[in-house]
Structures are given as structure tokens and as C-alpha cells.
Full PDB file with SEQRES, HELIX, SHEET, SSBOND, CRYST1, ORIGX, SCALE, CONECT and MASTER records, all heavy atoms in Angstrom:
SEQRES   1 A   34  THR SER LEU ALA LEU ALA ALA ALA MET ALA VAL PRO ALA          
SEQRES   2 A   34  LEU ALA ALA ASP THR ALA THR ALA ASP GLU GLN ALA GLN          
SEQRES   3 A   34  VAL LYS ALA ASP VAL LYS ALA THR                              
HELIX    1 AA1 SER A    2  MET A    9  1                                   8    
HELIX    2 AA2 ALA A   21  ALA A   33  1                                  13    
CRYST1    1.000    1.000    1.000  90.00  90.00  90.00 P 1           1          
ORIGX1      1.000000  0.000000  0.000000        0.00000                         
ORIGX2      0.000000  1.000000  0.000000        0.00000                         
ORIGX3      0.000000  0.000000  1.000000        0.00000                         
SCALE1      1.000000  0.000000  0.000000        0.00000                         
SCALE2      0.000000  1.000000  0.000000        0.00000                         
SCALE3      0.000000  0.000000  1.000000        0.00000                         
ATOM      1  N   THR A   1       0.832  -1.197   0.000  1.00  0.00           N  
ATOM      2  CA  THR A   1       0.000   0.000   0.000  1.00  0.00           C  
ATOM      3  C   THR A   1       0.864   1.242   0.000  1.00  0.00           C  
ATOM      4  O   THR A   1       0.650   2.177  -0.769  1.00  0.00           O  
ATOM      5  CB  THR A   1      -0.921  -0.007   1.229  1.00  0.00           C  
ATOM      6  OG1 THR A   1      -1.743  -1.141   1.160  1.00  0.00           O  
ATOM      7  CG2 THR A   1      -1.770   1.221   1.290  1.00  0.00           C  
ATOM      8  N   SER A   2       1.873   1.260   0.847  1.00  0.00           N  
ATOM      9  CA  SER A   2       2.778   2.399   0.949  1.00  0.00           C  
ATOM     10  C   SER A   2       3.501   2.637  -0.369  1.00  0.00           C  
ATOM     11  O   SER A   2       3.614   3.757  -0.846  1.00  0.00           O  
ATOM     12  CB  SER A   2       3.780   2.148   2.074  1.00  0.00           C  
ATOM     13  OG  SER A   2       4.702   3.184   2.143  1.00  0.00           O  
ATOM     14  N   LEU A   3       3.984   1.552  -0.971  1.00  0.00           N  
ATOM     15  CA  LEU A   3       4.693   1.681  -2.246  1.00  0.00           C  
ATOM     16  C   LEU A   3       3.767   2.159  -3.360  1.00  0.00           C  
ATOM     17  O   LEU A   3       4.174   2.927  -4.226  1.00  0.00           O  
ATOM     18  CB  LEU A   3       5.318   0.334  -2.631  1.00  0.00           C  
ATOM     19  CG  LEU A   3       6.476  -0.107  -1.762  1.00  0.00           C  
ATOM     20  CD1 LEU A   3       6.882  -1.530  -2.122  1.00  0.00           C  
ATOM     21  CD2 LEU A   3       7.653   0.825  -1.922  1.00  0.00           C  
ATOM     22  N   ALA A   4       2.532   1.706  -3.327  1.00  0.00           N  
ATOM     23  CA  ALA A   4       1.594   2.111  -4.378  1.00  0.00           C  
ATOM     24  C   ALA A   4       1.379   3.614  -4.370  1.00  0.00           C  
ATOM     25  O   ALA A   4       1.396   4.259  -5.409  1.00  0.00           O  
ATOM     26  CB  ALA A   4       0.266   1.378  -4.211  1.00  0.00           C  
ATOM     27  N   LEU A   5       1.170   4.192  -3.192  1.00  0.00           N  
ATOM     28  CA  LEU A   5       0.957   5.633  -3.121  1.00  0.00           C  
ATOM     29  C   LEU A   5       2.226   6.381  -3.487  1.00  0.00           C  
ATOM     30  O   LEU A   5       2.188   7.349  -4.240  1.00  0.00           O  
ATOM     31  CB  LEU A   5       0.476   6.052  -1.733  1.00  0.00           C  
ATOM     32  CG  LEU A   5       0.047   7.514  -1.604  1.00  0.00           C  
ATOM     33  CD1 LEU A   5      -1.016   7.875  -2.628  1.00  0.00           C  
ATOM     34  CD2 LEU A   5      -0.471   7.799  -0.219  1.00  0.00           C  
ATOM     35  N   ALA A   6       3.371   5.918  -3.019  1.00  0.00           N  
ATOM     36  CA  ALA A   6       4.641   6.570  -3.347  1.00  0.00           C  
ATOM     37  C   ALA A   6       4.887   6.510  -4.843  1.00  0.00           C  
ATOM     38  O   ALA A   6       5.310   7.488  -5.464  1.00  0.00           O  
ATOM     39  CB  ALA A   6       5.791   5.919  -2.592  1.00  0.00           C  
ATOM     40  N   ALA A   7       4.613   5.372  -5.453  1.00  0.00           N  
ATOM     41  CA  ALA A   7       4.827   5.231  -6.886  1.00  0.00           C  
ATOM     42  C   ALA A   7       3.866   6.107  -7.678  1.00  0.00           C  
ATOM     43  O   ALA A   7       4.236   6.715  -8.681  1.00  0.00           O  
ATOM     44  CB  ALA A   7       4.657   3.768  -7.299  1.00  0.00           C  
ATOM     45  N   ALA A   8       2.626   6.183  -7.218  1.00  0.00           N  
ATOM     46  CA  ALA A   8       1.654   7.032  -7.916  1.00  0.00           C  
ATOM     47  C   ALA A   8       2.095   8.483  -7.897  1.00  0.00           C  
ATOM     48  O   ALA A   8       1.870   9.231  -8.833  1.00  0.00           O  
ATOM     49  CB  ALA A   8       0.273   6.895  -7.279  1.00  0.00           C  
ATOM     50  N   MET A   9       2.750   8.886  -6.830  1.00  0.00           N  
ATOM     51  CA  MET A   9       3.209  10.261  -6.701  1.00  0.00           C  
ATOM     52  C   MET A   9       4.523  10.514  -7.426  1.00  0.00           C  
ATOM     53  O   MET A   9       4.952  11.643  -7.573  1.00  0.00           O  
ATOM     54  CB  MET A   9       3.414  10.623  -5.223  1.00  0.00           C  
ATOM     55  CG  MET A   9       2.153  10.559  -4.397  1.00  0.00           C  
ATOM     56  SD  MET A   9       0.855  11.630  -5.005  1.00  0.00           S  
ATOM     57  CE  MET A   9      -0.176  10.452  -5.831  1.00  0.00           C  
ATOM     58  N   ALA A  10       5.189   9.446  -7.898  1.00  0.00           N  
ATOM     59  CA  ALA A  10       6.490   9.611  -8.536  1.00  0.00           C  
ATOM     60  C   ALA A  10       6.377  10.196  -9.935  1.00  0.00           C  
ATOM     61  O   ALA A  10       7.359  10.593 -10.527  1.00  0.00           O  
ATOM     62  CB  ALA A  10       7.216   8.265  -8.601  1.00  0.00           C  
ATOM     63  N   VAL A  11       5.173  10.219 -10.481  1.00  0.00           N  
ATOM     64  CA  VAL A  11       4.976  10.785 -11.817  1.00  0.00           C  
ATOM     65  C   VAL A  11       5.326  12.266 -11.792  1.00  0.00           C  
ATOM     66  O   VAL A  11       5.067  12.945 -10.824  1.00  0.00           O  
ATOM     67  CB  VAL A  11       3.509  10.571 -12.237  1.00  0.00           C  
ATOM     68  CG1 VAL A  11       2.755  11.835 -12.405  1.00  0.00           C  
ATOM     69  CG2 VAL A  11       3.416   9.790 -13.500  1.00  0.00           C  
ATOM     70  N   PRO A  12       5.958  12.765 -12.871  1.00  0.00           N  
ATOM     71  CA  PRO A  12       6.267  14.190 -12.888  1.00  0.00           C  
ATOM     72  C   PRO A  12       5.003  15.017 -12.709  1.00  0.00           C  
ATOM     73  O   PRO A  12       3.967  14.712 -13.274  1.00  0.00           O  
ATOM     74  CB  PRO A  12       6.854  14.403 -14.284  1.00  0.00           C  
ATOM     75  CG  PRO A  12       7.302  13.057 -14.731  1.00  0.00           C  
ATOM     76  CD  PRO A  12       6.402  12.062 -14.052  1.00  0.00           C  
ATOM     77  N   ALA A  13       5.095  16.044 -11.915  1.00  0.00           N  
ATOM     78  CA  ALA A  13       3.923  16.874 -11.624  1.00  0.00           C  
ATOM     79  C   ALA A  13       3.453  17.599 -12.871  1.00  0.00           C  
ATOM     80  O   ALA A  13       4.241  18.027 -13.689  1.00  0.00           O  
ATOM     81  CB  ALA A  13       4.270  17.885 -10.540  1.00  0.00           C  
ATOM     82  N   LEU A  14       2.158  17.724 -12.993  1.00  0.00           N  
ATOM     83  CA  LEU A  14       1.570  18.457 -14.106  1.00  0.00           C  
ATOM     84  C   LEU A  14       1.073  19.788 -13.575  1.00  0.00           C  
ATOM     85  O   LEU A  14       0.208  19.824 -12.721  1.00  0.00           O  
ATOM     86  CB  LEU A  14       0.380  17.686 -14.688  1.00  0.00           C  
ATOM     87  CG  LEU A  14       0.678  16.338 -15.331  1.00  0.00           C  
ATOM     88  CD1 LEU A  14      -0.629  15.645 -15.670  1.00  0.00           C  
ATOM     89  CD2 LEU A  14       1.516  16.515 -16.575  1.00  0.00           C  
ATOM     90  N   ALA A  15       1.629  20.852 -14.073  1.00  0.00           N  
ATOM     91  CA  ALA A  15       1.143  22.168 -13.661  1.00  0.00           C  
ATOM     92  C   ALA A  15      -0.240  22.362 -14.240  1.00  0.00           C  
ATOM     93  O   ALA A  15      -0.459  22.180 -15.429  1.00  0.00           O  
ATOM     94  CB  ALA A  15       2.090  23.251 -14.147  1.00  0.00           C  
ATOM     95  N   ALA A  16      -1.190  22.684 -13.386  1.00  0.00           N  
ATOM     96  CA  ALA A  16      -2.588  22.800 -13.814  1.00  0.00           C  
ATOM     97  C   ALA A  16      -2.759  23.821 -14.925  1.00  0.00           C  
ATOM     98  O   ALA A  16      -3.605  23.655 -15.797  1.00  0.00           O  
ATOM     99  CB  ALA A  16      -3.466  23.150 -12.628  1.00  0.00           C  
ATOM    100  N   ASP A  17      -1.962  24.891 -14.921  1.00  0.00           N  
ATOM    101  CA  ASP A  17      -2.149  25.927 -15.923  1.00  0.00           C  
ATOM    102  C   ASP A  17      -1.560  25.551 -17.285  1.00  0.00           C  
ATOM    103  O   ASP A  17      -1.889  26.170 -18.289  1.00  0.00           O  
ATOM    104  CB  ASP A  17      -1.567  27.261 -15.441  1.00  0.00           C  
ATOM    105  CG  ASP A  17      -0.109  27.163 -15.026  1.00  0.00           C  
ATOM    106  OD1 ASP A  17       0.404  26.041 -14.842  1.00  0.00           O  
ATOM    107  OD2 ASP A  17       0.515  28.228 -14.878  1.00  0.00           O  
ATOM    108  N   THR A  18      -0.704  24.525 -17.362  1.00  0.00           N  
ATOM    109  CA  THR A  18      -0.116  24.142 -18.647  1.00  0.00           C  
ATOM    110  C   THR A  18      -0.571  22.762 -19.099  1.00  0.00           C  
ATOM    111  O   THR A  18      -0.278  22.360 -20.214  1.00  0.00           O  
ATOM    112  CB  THR A  18       1.429  24.158 -18.576  1.00  0.00           C  
ATOM    113  OG1 THR A  18       1.850  23.225 -17.572  1.00  0.00           O  
ATOM    114  CG2 THR A  18       1.953  25.534 -18.266  1.00  0.00           C  
ATOM    115  N   ALA A  19      -1.260  22.010 -18.243  1.00  0.00           N  
ATOM    116  CA  ALA A  19      -1.701  20.665 -18.593  1.00  0.00           C  
ATOM    117  C   ALA A  19      -2.871  20.728 -19.561  1.00  0.00           C  
ATOM    118  O   ALA A  19      -3.729  21.596 -19.471  1.00  0.00           O  
ATOM    119  CB  ALA A  19      -2.111  19.909 -17.335  1.00  0.00           C  
ATOM    120  N   THR A  20      -2.887  19.768 -20.490  1.00  0.00           N  
ATOM    121  CA  THR A  20      -4.007  19.665 -21.412  1.00  0.00           C  
ATOM    122  C   THR A  20      -5.206  19.108 -20.661  1.00  0.00           C  
ATOM    123  O   THR A  20      -5.071  18.578 -19.552  1.00  0.00           O  
ATOM    124  CB  THR A  20      -3.670  18.725 -22.587  1.00  0.00           C  
ATOM    125  OG1 THR A  20      -3.509  17.390 -22.056  1.00  0.00           O  
ATOM    126  CG2 THR A  20      -2.403  19.164 -23.312  1.00  0.00           C  
ATOM    127  N   ALA A  21      -6.362  19.187 -21.279  1.00  0.00           N  
ATOM    128  CA  ALA A  21      -7.575  18.645 -20.654  1.00  0.00           C  
ATOM    129  C   ALA A  21      -7.420  17.146 -20.426  1.00  0.00           C  
ATOM    130  O   ALA A  21      -7.856  16.623 -19.396  1.00  0.00           O  
ATOM    131  CB  ALA A  21      -8.788  18.943 -21.535  1.00  0.00           C  
ATOM    132  N   ASP A  22      -6.772  16.452 -21.379  1.00  0.00           N  
ATOM    133  CA  ASP A  22      -6.559  15.008 -21.224  1.00  0.00           C  
ATOM    134  C   ASP A  22      -5.637  14.721 -20.044  1.00  0.00           C  
ATOM    135  O   ASP A  22      -5.863  13.777 -19.283  1.00  0.00           O  
ATOM    136  CB  ASP A  22      -5.955  14.401 -22.493  1.00  0.00           C  
ATOM    137  CG  ASP A  22      -6.965  14.284 -23.626  1.00  0.00           C  
ATOM    138  OD1 ASP A  22      -8.183  14.389 -23.363  1.00  0.00           O  
ATOM    139  OD2 ASP A  22      -6.528  14.090 -24.776  1.00  0.00           O  
ATOM    140  N   GLU A  23      -4.573  15.518 -19.874  1.00  0.00           N  
ATOM    141  CA  GLU A  23      -3.647  15.322 -18.759  1.00  0.00           C  
ATOM    142  C   GLU A  23      -4.340  15.589 -17.428  1.00  0.00           C  
ATOM    143  O   GLU A  23      -4.154  14.844 -16.461  1.00  0.00           O  
ATOM    144  CB  GLU A  23      -2.425  16.224 -18.910  1.00  0.00           C  
ATOM    145  CG  GLU A  23      -1.501  15.803 -20.032  1.00  0.00           C  
ATOM    146  CD  GLU A  23      -0.424  16.839 -20.335  1.00  0.00           C  
ATOM    147  OE1 GLU A  23      -0.667  18.046 -20.122  1.00  0.00           O  
ATOM    148  OE2 GLU A  23       0.656  16.438 -20.793  1.00  0.00           O  
ATOM    149  N   GLN A  24      -5.159  16.640 -17.375  1.00  0.00           N  
ATOM    150  CA  GLN A  24      -5.894  16.945 -16.149  1.00  0.00           C  
ATOM    151  C   GLN A  24      -6.881  15.824 -15.827  1.00  0.00           C  
ATOM    152  O   GLN A  24      -7.028  15.428 -14.668  1.00  0.00           O  
ATOM    153  CB  GLN A  24      -6.617  18.284 -16.276  1.00  0.00           C  
ATOM    154  CG  GLN A  24      -5.675  19.469 -16.264  1.00  0.00           C  
ATOM    155  CD  GLN A  24      -6.395  20.790 -16.506  1.00  0.00           C  
ATOM    156  OE1 GLN A  24      -7.605  20.828 -16.662  1.00  0.00           O  
ATOM    157  NE2 GLN A  24      -5.641  21.866 -16.530  1.00  0.00           N  
ATOM    158  N   ALA A  25      -7.531  15.285 -16.851  1.00  0.00           N  
ATOM    159  CA  ALA A  25      -8.469  14.179 -16.652  1.00  0.00           C  
ATOM    160  C   ALA A  25      -7.725  12.944 -16.154  1.00  0.00           C  
ATOM    161  O   ALA A  25      -8.233  12.213 -15.296  1.00  0.00           O  
ATOM    162  CB  ALA A  25      -9.208  13.868 -17.953  1.00  0.00           C  
ATOM    163  N   GLN A  26      -6.507  12.709 -16.665  1.00  0.00           N  
ATOM    164  CA  GLN A  26      -5.713  11.557 -16.230  1.00  0.00           C  
ATOM    165  C   GLN A  26      -5.303  11.689 -14.764  1.00  0.00           C  
ATOM    166  O   GLN A  26      -5.339  10.726 -14.009  1.00  0.00           O  
ATOM    167  CB  GLN A  26      -4.479  11.389 -17.112  1.00  0.00           C  
ATOM    168  CG  GLN A  26      -3.685  10.131 -16.798  1.00  0.00           C  
ATOM    169  CD  GLN A  26      -4.497   8.870 -17.019  1.00  0.00           C  
ATOM    170  OE1 GLN A  26      -5.023   8.648 -18.098  1.00  0.00           O  
ATOM    171  NE2 GLN A  26      -4.615   8.039 -15.992  1.00  0.00           N  
ATOM    172  N   VAL A  27      -4.919  12.909 -14.357  1.00  0.00           N  
ATOM    173  CA  VAL A  27      -4.566  13.134 -12.954  1.00  0.00           C  
ATOM    174  C   VAL A  27      -5.774  12.840 -12.072  1.00  0.00           C  
ATOM    175  O   VAL A  27      -5.662  12.152 -11.056  1.00  0.00           O  
ATOM    176  CB  VAL A  27      -4.053  14.569 -12.717  1.00  0.00           C  
ATOM    177  CG1 VAL A  27      -3.977  14.895 -11.232  1.00  0.00           C  
ATOM    178  CG2 VAL A  27      -2.686  14.760 -13.359  1.00  0.00           C  
ATOM    179  N   LYS A  28      -6.945  13.338 -12.463  1.00  0.00           N  
ATOM    180  CA  LYS A  28      -8.161  13.082 -11.685  1.00  0.00           C  
ATOM    181  C   LYS A  28      -8.459  11.579 -11.618  1.00  0.00           C  
ATOM    182  O   LYS A  28      -8.860  11.067 -10.565  1.00  0.00           O  
ATOM    183  CB  LYS A  28      -9.347  13.845 -12.264  1.00  0.00           C  
ATOM    184  CG  LYS A  28      -9.269  15.343 -12.010  1.00  0.00           C  
ATOM    185  CD  LYS A  28     -10.500  16.050 -12.538  1.00  0.00           C  
ATOM    186  CE  LYS A  28     -10.410  17.547 -12.439  1.00  0.00           C  
ATOM    187  NZ  LYS A  28     -10.242  18.080 -11.115  1.00  0.00           N  
ATOM    188  N   ALA A  29      -8.236  10.874 -12.723  1.00  0.00           N  
ATOM    189  CA  ALA A  29      -8.457   9.422 -12.741  1.00  0.00           C  
ATOM    190  C   ALA A  29      -7.466   8.712 -11.825  1.00  0.00           C  
ATOM    191  O   ALA A  29      -7.827   7.771 -11.104  1.00  0.00           O  
ATOM    192  CB  ALA A  29      -8.347   8.882 -14.167  1.00  0.00           C  
ATOM    193  N   ASP A  30      -6.197   9.164 -11.836  1.00  0.00           N  
ATOM    194  CA  ASP A  30      -5.181   8.574 -10.957  1.00  0.00           C  
ATOM    195  C   ASP A  30      -5.526   8.813  -9.488  1.00  0.00           C  
ATOM    196  O   ASP A  30      -5.364   7.929  -8.654  1.00  0.00           O  
ATOM    197  CB  ASP A  30      -3.790   9.145 -11.255  1.00  0.00           C  
ATOM    198  CG  ASP A  30      -3.206   8.631 -12.562  1.00  0.00           C  
ATOM    199  OD1 ASP A  30      -3.756   7.665 -13.123  1.00  0.00           O  
ATOM    200  OD2 ASP A  30      -2.205   9.205 -13.016  1.00  0.00           O  
ATOM    201  N   VAL A  31      -5.994  10.015  -9.176  1.00  0.00           N  
ATOM    202  CA  VAL A  31      -6.397  10.328  -7.802  1.00  0.00           C  
ATOM    203  C   VAL A  31      -7.557   9.427  -7.391  1.00  0.00           C  
ATOM    204  O   VAL A  31      -7.543   8.839  -6.303  1.00  0.00           O  
ATOM    205  CB  VAL A  31      -6.777  11.821  -7.651  1.00  0.00           C  
ATOM    206  CG1 VAL A  31      -7.461  12.081  -6.329  1.00  0.00           C  
ATOM    207  CG2 VAL A  31      -5.539  12.694  -7.789  1.00  0.00           C  
ATOM    208  N   LYS A  32      -8.528   9.278  -8.263  1.00  0.00           N  
ATOM    209  CA  LYS A  32      -9.690   8.443  -7.953  1.00  0.00           C  
ATOM    210  C   LYS A  32      -9.272   6.990  -7.728  1.00  0.00           C  
ATOM    211  O   LYS A  32      -9.713   6.346  -6.771  1.00  0.00           O  
ATOM    212  CB  LYS A  32     -10.710   8.535  -9.095  1.00  0.00           C  
ATOM    213  CG  LYS A  32     -11.999   7.798  -8.823  1.00  0.00           C  
ATOM    214  CD  LYS A  32     -13.000   8.002  -9.943  1.00  0.00           C  
ATOM    215  CE  LYS A  32     -14.287   7.258  -9.647  1.00  0.00           C  
ATOM    216  NZ  LYS A  32     -15.261   7.420 -10.715  1.00  0.00           N  
ATOM    217  N   ALA A  33      -8.387   6.476  -8.587  1.00  0.00           N  
ATOM    218  CA  ALA A  33      -7.919   5.091  -8.452  1.00  0.00           C  
ATOM    219  C   ALA A  33      -7.126   4.904  -7.160  1.00  0.00           C  
ATOM    220  O   ALA A  33      -7.282   3.900  -6.465  1.00  0.00           O  
ATOM    221  CB  ALA A  33      -7.067   4.705  -9.659  1.00  0.00           C  
ATOM    222  N   THR A  34      -6.284   5.883  -6.834  1.00  0.00           N  
ATOM    223  CA  THR A  34      -5.500   5.804  -5.605  1.00  0.00           C  
ATOM    224  C   THR A  34      -6.425   5.807  -4.400  1.00  0.00           C  
ATOM    225  O   THR A  34      -6.259   5.018  -3.469  1.00  0.00           O  
ATOM    226  CB  THR A  34      -4.501   6.969  -5.525  1.00  0.00           C  
ATOM    227  OG1 THR A  34      -3.617   6.887  -6.647  1.00  0.00           O  
ATOM    228  CG2 THR A  34      -3.687   6.918  -4.247  1.00  0.00           C  
TER     229      THR A  34                                                      
MASTER        0    0    0    2    0    0    0    6  228    1    0    3          
END                                                                             
């Protein structure tokens, strides 16, 4: 469980102001899955 959350957070951060709609949707999906 600990590794899963750490690994999910290891993805490079997406700045909300420069992320595409698809990237923002993917972040929301990753948050929901986590």
C-alpha cells in the first residue's frame, strides 16, 4: 500500500495551468484510483 501511493506520486507533476484537458483528466483518474 505504501509503495503504491509513493509510486503514484512519482509521476512528474503536471502544472494545472499548462496541462491539457486530457492530462488533467488523467490526474483526476489517478487520484480516484488511488
